[in-house]
Amino acid sequence: MSSKEETCRNSSSPPLLSSSSSSSSSLPSVSHFIGKKEDIIRAGRVTKLVNGCRDVLVLFHQGQLHAMDMRCYHSGGALQHGDIEEFNGRQCIVCPWHKYKITLAEGEGLYQAVDDPTVKPLRTHWRSKGVKQRIHQVTEVNGDVYVTLDDSVEAIESDIYQTERYRTVLVKAQPKPKPKI
């Protein structure tokens, strides 16, 4: 890990378990201003490079603010373009690239399992792959929305898309805009 990536990892607050928004007057130790709640509600979703090293998606859904790494853990798809759907009673963002389902609250990857593939008709149900997407804490204070990065030392699959190396590769892969004539 480069020193810049290490600095990013160490400059955030302790590990967090949930992305639930709160409306308290005190902020966690290292919070980053994202924007005004009314602007986020109007837009539905915003992305921001937080602390100079982490691309975060903040979205408003069913009266609640959520924050997670912006790129899908599977292949780096831009989650800000994903649909939000319910699977087995859990709100998920669906990656627009490969349709991976990620829970908004925990960052779990969901998949549809088959009980016994030899029995027809197939009986399926939703299962968790475990936490795959890093979730960050959202705090609202007087209409301002802040994110506190989850910097737990446990590696989560979405971390790979938060490196300078990946950003450099991503930028080089972007098509060059054509000059206007």
Protein backbone atom coordinates (compact mmCIF):
# COMPACT_ATOMS: atom_id res chain seq x y z
CA MET A 1 0.00 0.00 0.00
CA SER A 2 1.38 3.42 -0.93
CA SER A 3 1.91 6.09 1.73
CA LYS A 4 -0.96 8.13 0.25
CA GLU A 5 -3.31 5.13 0.49
CA GLU A 6 -2.10 4.49 4.04
CA THR A 7 -2.76 8.15 4.94
CA CYS A 8 -6.26 7.90 3.51
CA ARG A 9 -6.94 4.76 5.49
CA ASN A 10 -5.62 6.17 8.77
CA SER A 11 -7.24 9.60 8.63
CA SER A 12 -10.80 8.41 9.17
CA SER A 13 -12.83 7.42 12.17
CA PRO A 14 -13.08 3.99 13.81
CA PRO A 15 -14.96 1.19 12.03
CA LEU A 16 -18.69 1.70 11.60
CA LEU A 17 -21.42 -0.85 11.29
CA SER A 18 -24.23 1.06 9.60
CA SER A 19 -24.98 3.77 7.11
CA SER A 20 -27.99 5.02 9.00
CA SER A 21 -28.28 8.76 9.02
CA SER A 22 -28.53 10.66 12.25
CA SER A 23 -29.53 14.19 13.07
CA SER A 24 -27.36 14.95 16.05
CA SER A 25 -25.55 18.19 16.74
CA SER A 26 -22.18 16.49 17.20
CA LEU A 27 -20.16 15.04 14.35
CA PRO A 28 -17.96 11.95 14.48
CA SER A 29 -14.26 12.75 14.75
CA VAL A 30 -13.44 12.98 11.02
CA SER A 31 -16.46 13.92 8.96
CA HIS A 32 -16.42 15.25 5.41
CA PHE A 33 -19.00 17.72 4.13
CA ILE A 34 -20.93 16.28 1.18
CA GLY A 35 -23.59 18.89 0.58
CA LYS A 36 -26.94 20.23 1.65
CA LYS A 37 -29.58 17.58 2.37
CA GLU A 38 -32.13 19.37 0.16
CA ASP A 39 -29.70 19.29 -2.79
CA ILE A 40 -28.99 15.58 -2.28
CA ILE A 41 -32.72 14.83 -2.05
CA ARG A 42 -33.34 16.80 -5.24
CA ALA A 43 -30.52 15.01 -7.10
CA GLY A 44 -31.26 11.61 -5.55
CA ARG A 45 -27.55 10.73 -5.67
CA VAL A 46 -24.25 12.54 -5.49
CA THR A 47 -20.67 11.35 -5.81
CA LYS A 48 -17.70 12.96 -4.16
CA LEU A 49 -14.00 12.31 -3.80
CA VAL A 50 -13.67 12.30 -0.01
CA ASN A 51 -10.40 13.04 1.76
CA GLY A 52 -8.69 13.12 -1.63
CA CYS A 53 -8.68 9.34 -1.87
CA ARG A 54 -12.10 7.70 -1.69
CA ASP A 55 -14.89 7.99 -4.27
CA VAL A 56 -18.15 7.88 -2.33
CA LEU A 57 -21.75 7.65 -3.51
CA VAL A 58 -24.33 9.30 -1.24
CA LEU A 59 -27.93 8.59 -2.07
CA PHE A 60 -31.35 9.37 -0.66
CA HIS A 61 -33.88 6.55 -0.77
CA GLN A 62 -37.17 6.13 1.07
CA GLY A 63 -36.42 8.95 3.50
CA GLN A 64 -32.92 7.78 4.39
CA LEU A 65 -29.39 8.79 3.39
CA HIS A 66 -26.87 6.06 2.54
CA ALA A 67 -23.17 6.22 1.65
CA MET A 68 -20.94 3.58 0.05
CA ASP A 69 -17.92 3.25 -2.19
CA MET A 70 -18.93 4.55 -5.60
CA ARG A 71 -17.61 1.63 -7.68
CA CYS A 72 -19.11 -1.87 -7.55
CA TYR A 73 -16.96 -4.47 -5.81
CA HIS A 74 -17.28 -6.92 -8.73
CA SER A 75 -15.85 -5.01 -11.67
CA GLY A 76 -15.83 -1.30 -10.83
CA GLY A 77 -19.22 -0.37 -12.31
CA ALA A 78 -20.45 3.13 -11.50
CA LEU A 79 -23.14 2.53 -8.89
CA GLN A 80 -24.56 6.04 -9.21
CA HIS A 81 -26.23 4.76 -12.40
CA GLY A 82 -27.71 1.65 -10.76
CA ASP A 83 -31.37 1.06 -9.99
CA ILE A 84 -32.56 0.58 -6.43
CA GLU A 85 -34.72 -2.51 -5.96
CA GLU A 86 -35.97 -4.64 -3.11
CA PHE A 87 -34.84 -8.26 -2.82
CA ASN A 88 -36.26 -10.40 -0.03
CA GLY A 89 -37.24 -7.29 1.91
CA ARG A 90 -33.82 -5.63 1.60
CA GLN A 91 -33.13 -2.43 -0.33
CA CYS A 92 -30.30 -2.93 -2.83
CA ILE A 93 -28.52 -0.96 -5.50
CA VAL A 94 -28.12 -2.97 -8.69
CA CYS A 95 -24.86 -2.45 -10.55
CA PRO A 96 -25.61 -1.28 -14.10
CA TRP A 97 -22.76 -3.32 -15.58
CA HIS A 98 -23.42 -6.90 -14.43
CA LYS A 99 -26.57 -6.59 -12.27
CA TYR A 100 -24.85 -7.41 -8.97
CA LYS A 101 -27.14 -6.65 -6.01
CA ILE A 102 -25.66 -4.76 -3.04
CA THR A 103 -27.61 -3.99 0.14
CA LEU A 104 -27.74 -0.30 0.98
CA ALA A 105 -27.48 -0.78 4.73
CA GLU A 106 -24.70 -3.38 5.05
CA GLY A 107 -22.93 -3.59 1.67
CA GLU A 108 -23.69 -7.29 1.34
CA GLY A 109 -23.65 -8.90 -2.08
CA LEU A 110 -26.84 -10.89 -2.71
CA TYR A 111 -27.34 -13.76 -5.12
CA GLN A 112 -30.21 -16.05 -6.02
CA ALA A 113 -29.53 -19.60 -4.83
CA VAL A 114 -31.22 -22.78 -6.05
CA ASP A 115 -32.15 -25.41 -3.47
CA ASP A 116 -31.80 -28.45 -5.72
CA PRO A 117 -31.10 -27.93 -9.44
CA THR A 118 -32.43 -31.41 -10.27
CA VAL A 119 -35.94 -30.68 -8.94
CA LYS A 120 -38.33 -28.91 -11.29
CA PRO A 121 -39.65 -26.30 -10.98
CA LEU A 122 -36.55 -24.69 -9.54
CA ARG A 123 -36.98 -23.21 -6.06
CA THR A 124 -34.82 -20.15 -5.54
CA HIS A 125 -34.15 -17.81 -2.64
CA TRP A 126 -31.84 -14.86 -1.95
CA ARG A 127 -28.58 -15.48 -0.09
CA SER A 128 -25.76 -13.24 1.10
CA LYS A 129 -22.18 -13.46 -0.14
CA GLY A 130 -21.14 -11.40 2.90
CA VAL A 131 -20.02 -7.78 3.00
CA LYS A 132 -18.49 -6.85 -0.35
CA GLN A 133 -19.06 -3.07 -0.58
CA ARG A 134 -17.65 -0.60 1.96
CA ILE A 135 -20.44 1.38 3.66
CA HIS A 136 -19.80 4.76 5.31
CA GLN A 137 -21.65 6.60 8.07
CA VAL A 138 -23.89 9.51 7.07
CA THR A 139 -24.65 12.30 9.53
CA GLU A 140 -26.95 15.26 9.03
CA VAL A 141 -26.49 18.43 11.07
CA ASN A 142 -28.79 21.39 10.47
CA GLY A 143 -29.42 20.39 6.86
CA ASP A 144 -25.72 19.71 6.08
CA VAL A 145 -24.76 16.14 5.17
CA TYR A 146 -21.43 14.68 6.27
CA VAL A 147 -19.79 11.31 5.65
CA THR A 148 -17.39 9.58 8.00
CA LEU A 149 -15.31 7.01 6.13
CA ASP A 150 -15.29 3.44 7.37
CA ASP A 151 -11.60 2.68 7.63
CA SER A 152 -11.69 -0.74 9.25
CA VAL A 153 -8.50 -2.64 8.52
CA GLU A 154 -10.45 -5.64 7.24
CA ALA A 155 -10.18 -5.66 3.45
CA ILE A 156 -13.46 -5.35 1.59
CA GLU A 157 -13.68 -6.14 -2.11
CA SER A 158 -14.72 -2.61 -3.15
CA ASP A 159 -11.40 -1.29 -1.75
CA ILE A 160 -9.54 -2.31 -4.92
CA TYR A 161 -11.26 0.48 -6.87
CA GLN A 162 -10.17 3.12 -4.35
CA THR A 163 -6.47 3.09 -5.20
CA GLU A 164 -4.52 5.68 -7.15
CA ARG A 165 -3.33 2.86 -9.40
CA TYR A 166 -6.92 2.01 -10.38
CA ARG A 167 -7.84 5.67 -10.90
CA THR A 168 -4.85 6.11 -13.21
CA VAL A 169 -5.85 3.04 -15.25
CA LEU A 170 -9.48 4.21 -15.31
CA VAL A 171 -8.56 7.70 -16.53
CA LYS A 172 -6.33 6.30 -19.28
CA ALA A 173 -9.15 3.97 -20.41
CA GLN A 174 -11.68 6.81 -20.76
CA PRO A 175 -12.35 7.79 -24.37
CA LYS A 176 -10.90 11.13 -25.38
CA PRO A 177 -13.51 13.77 -26.24
CA LYS A 178 -13.63 14.60 -29.93
CA PRO A 179 -12.72 18.18 -30.80
CA LYS A 180 -15.64 20.34 -31.89
CA ILE A 181 -15.43 21.53 -35.46
